[in-house]
């Protein structure tokens, strides 16, 4: 019967081309706008590391002095001081832990014709690669002993390896920086986490770093850092200034891996006890104020999804609702104009359910056509987003799941819009219509 209903729908399309086209375009525009914004929201709000997001935690402390501000910020600092990060790393209360900071270094390629260039870098500790499932293609990461020895070693990305060494094996080769020489001990496959949750103080989306080296080595070489820094005191007495060990500045990201909610509760208590110890030692002045967020909690706290993206999504779905309401009116007009035809069918033995199913089949066919048109509008909308300068713009890509969802949403929305018109059509009294013929 479905095939018969679809044949009737196609005949109806031919008799009412303008009205049918108007409904298809209306649904297509609404679906296209909704799926464009939904795709972008899905990309930005997704779990960047689903296999470990409930086991990775971002601890925060409150090291600031009381100062003259009587009202205290209810949230602790977003980053740690170097002293606290190194102390937490030394005490090793988690399964794994990593302190880190972003940087950018100048690489001096071999050969007189080669020009120096900048490379984005990550200064971190030995557990980083295991904690974040960073894929090593060749070689190895460094060890905790390398951290302690300030070893001048590095793990590089495959792009940087190709740029510096071509097809040659990079393991054991040297990278020359303005500040010294690093020995390559590992090469990473292409690896990008979006958003880059482990460091939200820098660019949150897009390509990752190409050079990784021990944090201790970066400080020994006095490599430049990147990212936000919050200071609340004088750091001029430290040889390294604001980046010194005892400087009153928060600029280090710190992550810990814990295997269970019980371990997380114990670690939270450990942070509170650590704060109390530091206050007793005279370093901290404010009451203990600690936080321990997992990956998704940390992303929510930082509102990684821009507010304008959220607003655009809700506006787009509101626009889709308006399109569906217009479609309801157009379907009502279309079906009720065929009251005579419906009356004849009823008089020839068609049940009300037959009329209802026929009208729903016609609404579904319109929705399917509108969904296919909506795919085109969504592809255009995502292309326009990718032309924007935002760091997340290039991520606006439609995958297979989104494509199928677009068609399903268009079909479901059109069937929903067709319920009332189909119900009204099946109520047409056959006797009254036959009398008027």
Protein backbone atom coordinates (compact mmCIF):
# COMPACT_ATOMS: atom_id res chain seq x y z
CA UNK A 1 0.00 0.00 0.00
CA UNK A 2 2.86 2.37 0.70
CA UNK A 3 3.92 2.25 -2.94
CA UNK A 4 0.35 3.08 -4.00
CA UNK A 5 0.24 6.02 -1.59
CA UNK A 6 3.55 7.31 -2.95
CA UNK A 7 2.20 7.08 -6.51
CA UNK A 8 -0.78 9.19 -5.45
CA UNK A 9 1.63 11.65 -3.80
CA UNK A 10 3.65 12.02 -7.00
CA UNK A 11 0.49 12.67 -9.02
CA UNK A 12 -0.52 15.30 -6.46
CA UNK A 13 2.91 16.96 -6.78
CA UNK A 14 2.38 17.25 -10.52
CA UNK A 15 -1.01 18.93 -10.06
CA UNK A 16 0.23 21.40 -7.42
CA UNK A 17 3.79 22.15 -8.46
CA UNK A 18 4.04 25.64 -6.96
CA UNK A 19 2.56 24.66 -3.59
CA UNK A 20 4.68 21.51 -3.40
CA UNK A 21 7.84 23.41 -4.32
CA UNK A 22 7.10 26.02 -1.68
CA UNK A 23 6.75 23.35 1.02
CA UNK A 24 9.95 21.55 -0.06
CA UNK A 25 11.94 24.80 -0.03
CA UNK A 26 10.45 25.82 3.34
CA UNK A 27 11.44 22.52 4.95
CA UNK A 28 14.83 22.53 3.21
CA UNK A 29 15.75 25.99 4.50
CA UNK A 30 14.64 25.17 8.04
CA UNK A 31 16.46 21.83 8.08
CA UNK A 32 19.59 23.36 6.53
CA UNK A 33 19.79 26.12 9.13
CA UNK A 34 19.15 23.72 12.03
CA UNK A 35 21.69 21.14 10.89
CA UNK A 36 24.37 23.73 10.18
CA UNK A 37 24.28 25.03 13.74
CA UNK A 38 23.73 21.57 15.27
CA UNK A 39 26.78 20.19 13.44
CA UNK A 40 28.94 23.04 14.71
CA UNK A 41 27.61 22.63 18.26
CA UNK A 42 28.24 18.87 18.14
CA UNK A 43 31.83 19.41 17.06
CA UNK A 44 32.53 21.98 19.77
CA UNK A 45 30.73 20.22 22.64
CA UNK A 46 31.94 16.68 22.00
CA UNK A 47 34.09 14.64 24.38
CA UNK A 48 37.70 15.08 23.12
CA UNK A 49 38.99 11.92 24.82
CA UNK A 50 35.98 9.67 25.59
CA UNK A 51 38.09 6.67 26.56
CA UNK A 52 39.61 8.56 29.51
CA UNK A 53 37.55 11.69 30.14
CA UNK A 54 36.19 10.37 33.46
CA UNK A 55 39.68 9.47 34.70
CA UNK A 56 41.55 12.69 33.93
CA UNK A 57 41.18 15.52 36.45
CA UNK A 58 42.29 19.13 36.59
CA UNK A 59 43.14 20.25 40.17
CA UNK A 60 42.99 23.88 41.23
CA UNK A 61 44.26 25.67 44.34
CA UNK A 62 43.99 29.18 45.80
CA UNK A 63 47.50 30.59 46.41
CA UNK A 64 46.65 34.32 46.20
CA UNK A 65 47.23 36.66 49.10
CA UNK A 66 44.33 38.43 50.77
CA UNK A 67 45.50 41.86 49.62
CA UNK A 68 43.10 44.75 49.99
CA UNK A 69 40.17 42.95 48.43
CA UNK A 70 37.89 41.85 51.26
CA UNK A 71 35.53 39.96 48.94
CA UNK A 72 37.12 36.68 47.88
CA UNK A 73 36.66 35.10 44.46
CA UNK A 74 34.54 31.96 44.98
CA UNK A 75 36.59 30.13 42.34
CA UNK A 76 40.28 29.28 42.84
CA UNK A 77 42.93 30.10 40.25
CA UNK A 78 42.58 28.44 36.86
CA UNK A 79 46.29 27.47 36.82
CA UNK A 80 48.95 26.56 39.36
CA UNK A 81 52.12 28.30 40.40
CA UNK A 82 55.33 26.60 39.38
CA UNK A 83 56.12 25.82 43.03
CA UNK A 84 52.79 24.07 43.61
CA UNK A 85 52.89 22.20 40.30
CA UNK A 86 56.39 20.87 40.95
CA UNK A 87 55.48 19.93 44.52
CA UNK A 88 52.34 18.04 43.49
CA UNK A 89 54.36 16.31 40.77
CA UNK A 90 57.04 15.33 43.31
CA UNK A 91 54.49 13.88 45.75
CA UNK A 92 52.84 11.77 42.99
CA UNK A 93 49.47 11.14 44.65
CA UNK A 94 47.76 10.16 41.38
CA UNK A 95 48.15 7.15 39.12
CA UNK A 96 49.82 9.53 36.69
CA UNK A 97 50.34 13.30 36.69
CA UNK A 98 51.66 15.89 34.29
CA UNK A 99 52.54 19.57 34.59
CA UNK A 100 52.88 21.61 31.44
CA UNK A 101 53.00 24.91 29.63
CA UNK A 102 52.81 25.95 26.00
CA UNK A 103 55.69 27.55 24.15
CA UNK A 104 57.04 28.53 20.77
CA UNK A 105 60.68 28.02 19.80
CA UNK A 106 62.87 29.06 16.89
CA UNK A 107 64.34 26.06 15.07
CA UNK A 108 67.56 26.49 13.10
CA UNK A 109 67.54 23.87 10.30
CA UNK A 110 70.76 22.36 9.05
CA UNK A 111 72.16 23.85 5.85
CA UNK A 112 72.97 27.42 5.00
CA UNK A 113 70.01 27.80 2.62
CA UNK A 114 67.41 26.74 5.18
CA UNK A 115 65.60 29.54 6.97
CA UNK A 116 64.84 29.46 10.72
CA UNK A 117 61.18 28.94 11.60
CA UNK A 118 58.93 28.88 14.63
CA UNK A 119 57.41 25.68 16.00
CA UNK A 120 54.63 25.38 18.56
CA UNK A 121 55.86 23.48 21.60
CA UNK A 122 54.68 21.79 24.77
CA UNK A 123 56.87 21.71 27.87
CA UNK A 124 55.61 18.88 30.06
CA UNK A 125 56.55 15.91 32.24
CA UNK A 126 57.08 12.24 31.49
CA UNK A 127 53.52 10.93 32.02
CA UNK A 128 52.01 13.24 29.40
CA UNK A 129 52.07 10.77 26.50
CA UNK A 130 50.52 7.89 28.42
CA UNK A 131 47.93 10.07 30.16
CA UNK A 132 46.58 11.61 26.98
CA UNK A 133 47.00 8.60 24.68
CA UNK A 134 49.43 10.49 22.46
CA UNK A 135 50.30 8.09 19.59
CA UNK A 136 54.05 7.50 19.30
CA UNK A 137 54.98 6.35 15.81
CA UNK A 138 58.62 5.65 16.56
CA UNK A 139 61.01 5.86 19.48
CA UNK A 140 59.81 6.64 23.00
CA UNK A 141 58.89 9.38 25.39
CA UNK A 142 61.27 10.50 28.10
CA UNK A 143 61.30 9.16 31.67
CA UNK A 144 60.90 10.73 35.10
CA UNK A 145 64.70 10.45 35.44
CA UNK A 146 65.03 12.59 32.30
CA UNK A 147 62.75 15.15 33.96
CA UNK A 148 65.01 15.20 37.01
CA UNK A 149 68.18 15.39 34.95
CA UNK A 150 66.82 18.18 32.72
CA UNK A 151 67.74 15.99 29.77
CA UNK A 152 67.90 17.80 26.46
CA UNK A 153 65.63 15.39 24.63
CA UNK A 154 62.50 15.91 22.55
CA UNK A 155 59.56 14.11 20.96
CA UNK A 156 58.51 15.67 17.66
CA UNK A 157 55.46 15.48 15.41
CA UNK A 158 55.59 13.65 12.10
CA UNK A 159 55.17 16.92 10.16
CA UNK A 160 58.16 18.48 11.86
CA UNK A 161 60.16 15.28 11.35
CA UNK A 162 59.46 15.38 7.61
CA UNK A 163 60.28 19.06 7.40
CA UNK A 164 63.63 18.68 9.18
CA UNK A 165 64.84 15.24 8.13
CA UNK A 166 62.80 14.22 5.09
CA UNK A 167 62.59 10.44 4.76
CA UNK A 168 65.57 9.82 7.04
CA UNK A 169 65.09 8.26 10.48
CA UNK A 170 64.85 11.18 12.93
CA UNK A 171 65.56 9.11 16.07
CA UNK A 172 68.88 10.21 17.54
CA UNK A 173 69.14 13.28 15.31
CA UNK A 174 69.61 16.77 16.73
CA UNK A 175 67.34 19.81 16.62
CA UNK A 176 69.11 23.13 16.91
CA UNK A 177 67.34 25.95 18.74
CA UNK A 178 68.49 29.47 19.47
CA UNK A 179 69.04 28.38 23.09
CA UNK A 180 70.72 25.01 22.52
CA UNK A 181 70.43 21.54 21.02
CA UNK A 182 67.83 18.81 21.62
CA UNK A 183 68.15 15.13 20.73
CA UNK A 184 65.12 13.47 19.13
CA UNK A 185 64.04 10.31 21.01
CA UNK A 186 60.48 9.90 19.67
CA UNK A 187 58.16 10.76 16.78
CA UNK A 188 54.40 11.18 17.16
CA UNK A 189 51.73 10.42 14.60
CA UNK A 190 49.35 13.22 13.70
CA UNK A 191 47.46 13.93 16.91
CA UNK A 192 44.91 16.62 17.62
CA UNK A 193 42.43 16.87 20.47
CA UNK A 194 39.52 19.22 19.83
CA UNK A 195 39.05 21.09 22.00
CA UNK A 196 42.59 21.00 23.35
CA UNK A 197 41.26 20.54 26.88
CA UNK A 198 44.66 20.10 28.55
CA UNK A 199 45.49 23.77 27.95
CA UNK A 200 42.55 26.13 27.54
CA UNK A 201 44.69 29.21 28.15
CA UNK A 202 45.90 29.05 24.54
CA UNK A 203 44.16 28.40 21.24
CA UNK A 204 41.44 25.87 22.04
CA UNK A 205 40.86 24.34 18.61
CA UNK A 206 42.99 23.47 15.64
CA UNK A 207 46.35 21.83 15.10
CA UNK A 208 48.46 20.59 18.00
CA UNK A 209 52.07 21.12 18.99
CA UNK A 210 54.97 19.71 16.97
CA UNK A 211 57.73 19.76 19.61
CA UNK A 212 57.52 18.20 23.11
CA UNK A 213 60.29 18.40 25.68
CA UNK A 214 60.66 18.10 29.47
CA UNK A 215 59.35 21.08 31.42
CA UNK A 216 62.51 21.09 33.54
CA UNK A 217 64.59 21.30 30.36
CA UNK A 218 62.55 24.25 29.10
CA UNK A 219 63.31 26.18 32.27
CA UNK A 220 67.00 25.20 32.18
CA UNK A 221 67.19 26.55 28.62
CA UNK A 222 65.02 29.59 29.45
CA UNK A 223 62.65 28.85 26.55
CA UNK A 224 59.82 31.36 25.98
CA UNK A 225 56.34 30.34 27.11
CA UNK A 226 52.88 31.14 25.82
CA UNK A 227 49.50 31.41 27.51
CA UNK A 228 47.85 33.38 30.26
CA UNK A 229 49.66 34.27 33.46
CA UNK A 230 48.14 35.73 36.63
CA UNK A 231 50.49 37.41 39.15
CA UNK A 232 49.58 38.99 42.48
CA UNK A 233 52.97 39.99 43.90
CA UNK A 234 56.52 41.07 43.11
CA UNK A 235 58.58 38.56 41.14
CA UNK A 236 61.57 40.78 40.35
CA UNK A 237 63.73 39.08 42.98
CA UNK A 238 63.66 35.76 41.08
CA UNK A 239 66.27 35.19 38.39
CA UNK A 240 63.57 33.84 36.06
CA UNK A 241 61.12 36.61 36.91
CA UNK A 242 57.45 35.64 36.74
CA UNK A 243 58.39 32.10 35.64
CA UNK A 244 60.64 31.48 38.63
CA UNK A 245 60.04 28.69 41.11
CA UNK A 246 58.89 30.99 43.91
CA UNK A 247 57.24 33.69 41.81
CA UNK A 248 53.68 34.60 42.91
CA UNK A 249 52.29 33.80 39.47
CA UNK A 250 49.93 31.08 38.24
CA UNK A 251 50.71 29.87 34.72
CA UNK A 252 51.11 26.06 34.84
CA UNK A 253 48.48 23.55 33.72
CA UNK A 254 48.37 20.38 35.80
CA UNK A 255 46.49 17.12 35.19
CA UNK A 256 46.20 13.97 37.24
CA UNK A 257 44.87 10.54 36.29
CA UNK A 258 42.68 8.76 38.88
CA UNK A 259 41.03 5.40 38.40
CA UNK A 260 37.87 5.62 40.51
CA UNK A 261 35.49 8.05 42.25
CA UNK A 262 37.04 6.95 45.53
CA UNK A 263 40.49 7.98 44.36
CA UNK A 264 39.06 11.30 43.19
CA UNK A 265 37.54 11.93 46.62
CA UNK A 266 40.85 11.06 48.30
CA UNK A 267 42.75 13.35 45.96
CA UNK A 268 40.35 16.21 46.64
CA UNK A 269 41.01 15.77 50.36
CA UNK A 270 44.73 15.66 49.66
CA UNK A 271 44.47 19.03 47.87
CA UNK A 272 42.64 20.54 50.86
CA UNK A 273 45.28 19.17 53.26
CA UNK A 274 48.04 20.50 51.00
CA UNK A 275 46.41 23.97 51.05
CA UNK A 276 46.25 23.88 54.84
CA UNK A 277 49.94 22.91 55.03
CA UNK A 278 50.92 25.77 52.70
CA UNK A 279 48.86 28.23 54.73
CA UNK A 280 50.55 27.01 57.92
CA UNK A 281 53.92 27.52 56.22
CA UNK A 282 52.95 31.12 55.36
CA UNK A 283 52.63 30.70 51.57
CA UNK A 284 48.84 30.68 51.34
CA UNK A 285 46.72 33.28 53.11
CA UNK A 286 43.18 32.49 51.99
CA UNK A 287 41.08 29.63 53.32
CA UNK A 288 41.47 26.31 51.54
CA UNK A 289 39.59 26.50 48.25
CA UNK A 290 40.19 23.56 45.93
CA UNK A 291 38.47 22.13 42.85
CA UNK A 292 38.91 18.87 40.98
CA UNK A 293 37.12 18.73 37.62
CA UNK A 294 37.12 15.90 35.13
CA UNK A 295 37.52 16.67 31.43
CA UNK A 296 33.89 17.46 30.63
CA UNK A 297 33.43 19.37 33.89
CA UNK A 298 36.48 21.48 33.06
CA UNK A 299 35.15 22.20 29.57
CA UNK A 300 31.75 23.19 30.98
CA UNK A 301 33.36 25.50 33.54
CA UNK A 302 35.31 27.25 30.80
CA UNK A 303 32.29 27.52 28.49
CA UNK A 304 34.28 26.10 25.60
CA UNK A 305 31.24 26.27 23.33
CA UNK A 306 30.92 30.00 22.46
CA UNK A 307 27.68 31.61 23.58
CA UNK A 308 26.97 32.85 20.07
CA UNK A 309 27.09 29.25 18.78
CA UNK A 310 24.54 28.17 21.41
CA UNK A 311 22.29 31.11 20.56
CA UNK A 312 22.54 30.46 16.83
CA UNK A 313 21.56 26.83 17.38
CA UNK A 314 18.44 27.72 19.36
CA UNK A 315 17.51 30.43 16.86
CA UNK A 316 17.94 27.96 14.00
CA UNK A 317 15.67 25.40 15.65
CA UNK A 318 13.16 28.17 16.36
CA UNK A 319 13.30 29.05 12.68
CA UNK A 320 12.74 25.35 11.84
CA UNK A 321 9.65 25.39 14.05
CA UNK A 322 8.30 28.41 12.16
CA UNK A 323 8.98 26.59 8.89
CA UNK A 324 7.04 23.57 10.14
CA UNK A 325 4.10 25.71 11.20
CA UNK A 326 4.04 27.21 7.72
CA UNK A 327 4.19 23.71 6.29
CA UNK A 328 1.19 22.70 8.41
CA UNK A 329 -0.81 25.56 6.90
CA UNK A 330 0.29 24.71 3.37
CA UNK A 331 -0.55 21.03 3.83
CA UNK A 332 -3.98 21.95 5.22
CA UNK A 333 -4.63 24.08 2.16
CA UNK A 334 -3.35 21.35 -0.16
CA UNK A 335 -5.38 18.51 1.36
CA UNK A 336 -8.63 20.43 1.87
CA UNK A 337 -8.54 21.63 -1.74
CA UNK A 338 -8.89 17.95 -2.62
CA UNK A 339 -12.00 17.42 -0.51
CA UNK A 340 -13.97 16.30 -3.56
CA UNK A 341 -11.40 13.69 -4.49
CA UNK A 342 -11.25 12.48 -0.88
CA UNK A 343 -15.08 12.27 -0.75
CA UNK A 344 -15.16 10.11 -3.87
CA UNK A 345 -12.54 7.77 -2.46
CA UNK A 346 -14.47 7.47 0.78
CA UNK A 347 -17.67 6.72 -1.18
CA UNK A 348 -15.84 3.99 -3.10
CA UNK A 349 -14.92 2.24 0.13
CA UNK A 350 -11.72 3.88 1.39
CA UNK A 351 -11.60 3.99 5.18
CA UNK A 352 -10.61 7.04 7.16
CA UNK A 353 -7.34 5.31 8.05
CA UNK A 354 -6.54 4.93 4.35
CA UNK A 355 -7.00 8.67 3.80
CA UNK A 356 -4.88 9.42 6.86
CA UNK A 357 -2.03 7.17 5.72
CA UNK A 358 -2.19 8.53 2.17
CA UNK A 359 -1.84 12.11 3.42
CA UNK A 360 1.00 11.17 5.78
CA UNK A 361 2.79 9.42 2.91
CA UNK A 362 2.51 12.59 0.86
CA UNK A 363 3.80 14.70 3.77
CA UNK A 364 6.70 12.26 4.23
CA UNK A 365 7.62 12.46 0.55
CA UNK A 366 7.67 16.26 0.78
CA UNK A 367 9.84 16.00 3.90
CA UNK A 368 12.26 13.62 2.20
CA UNK A 369 12.66 16.01 -0.72
CA UNK A 370 13.06 18.89 1.73
CA UNK A 371 15.70 16.92 3.65
CA UNK A 372 17.75 16.36 0.51
CA UNK A 373 17.52 20.05 -0.27
CA UNK A 374 18.39 20.78 3.38
CA UNK A 375 21.61 18.79 2.99
CA UNK A 376 22.64 21.19 0.26
CA UNK A 377 21.80 24.23 2.41
CA UNK A 378 23.67 22.69 5.38
CA UNK A 379 26.74 21.99 3.24
CA UNK A 380 26.67 25.60 2.05
CA UNK A 381 26.26 26.89 5.61
CA UNK A 382 29.18 24.80 6.90
CA UNK A 383 31.33 25.99 4.01
CA UNK A 384 30.58 29.60 4.93
CA UNK A 385 31.53 28.87 8.56
CA UNK A 386 34.87 27.41 7.43
CA UNK A 387 35.67 30.72 5.76
CA UNK A 388 35.51 32.52 9.12
CA UNK A 389 38.71 33.40 11.06
CA UNK A 390 37.63 31.58 14.26
CA UNK A 391 39.99 28.80 15.36
CA UNK A 392 37.15 26.28 15.42
CA UNK A 393 35.80 27.18 11.96
CA UNK A 394 37.70 24.51 10.03
CA UNK A 395 36.14 21.80 12.21
CA UNK A 396 32.70 22.49 10.75
CA UNK A 397 32.46 19.29 8.73
CA UNK A 398 29.42 17.07 8.18
CA UNK A 399 29.97 13.38 8.90
CA UNK A 400 27.86 10.36 7.92
CA UNK A 401 25.93 10.35 11.20
CA UNK A 402 24.97 14.00 10.74
CA UNK A 403 23.95 13.35 7.13
CA UNK A 404 21.62 10.55 8.19
CA UNK A 405 20.29 12.65 11.05
CA UNK A 406 19.46 15.45 8.62
CA UNK A 407 17.33 13.18 6.44
CA UNK A 408 15.68 11.58 9.49
CA UNK A 409 14.92 14.98 11.03
CA UNK A 410 13.39 16.25 7.80
CA UNK A 411 11.26 13.11 7.43
CA UNK A 412 10.17 13.15 11.08
CA UNK A 413 9.42 16.87 11.05
CA UNK A 414 7.31 16.62 7.90
CA UNK A 415 5.35 13.67 9.29
CA UNK A 416 4.74 15.64 12.47
CA UNK A 417 3.62 18.64 10.44
CA UNK A 418 1.31 16.38 8.41
CA UNK A 419 -0.56 14.91 11.39
CA UNK A 420 -3.12 17.71 11.75
CA UNK A 421 -3.75 18.19 8.00
CA UNK A 422 -4.06 14.40 7.54
CA UNK A 423 -6.49 14.19 10.47
CA UNK A 424 -8.58 17.04 9.04
CA UNK A 425 -8.57 15.40 5.61
CA UNK A 426 -9.84 12.09 6.89
CA UNK A 427 -12.78 13.88 8.56
CA UNK A 428 -14.14 15.06 5.19
CA UNK A 429 -17.79 13.75 4.96
CA UNK A 430 -18.20 11.84 1.67
CA UNK A 431 -21.95 12.49 1.36
CA UNK A 432 -21.57 16.26 1.57
CA UNK A 433 -18.83 16.25 -1.04
CA UNK A 434 -20.81 14.03 -3.43
CA UNK A 435 -23.84 16.32 -3.15
CA UNK A 436 -21.75 19.30 -4.19
CA UNK A 437 -20.44 17.56 -7.33
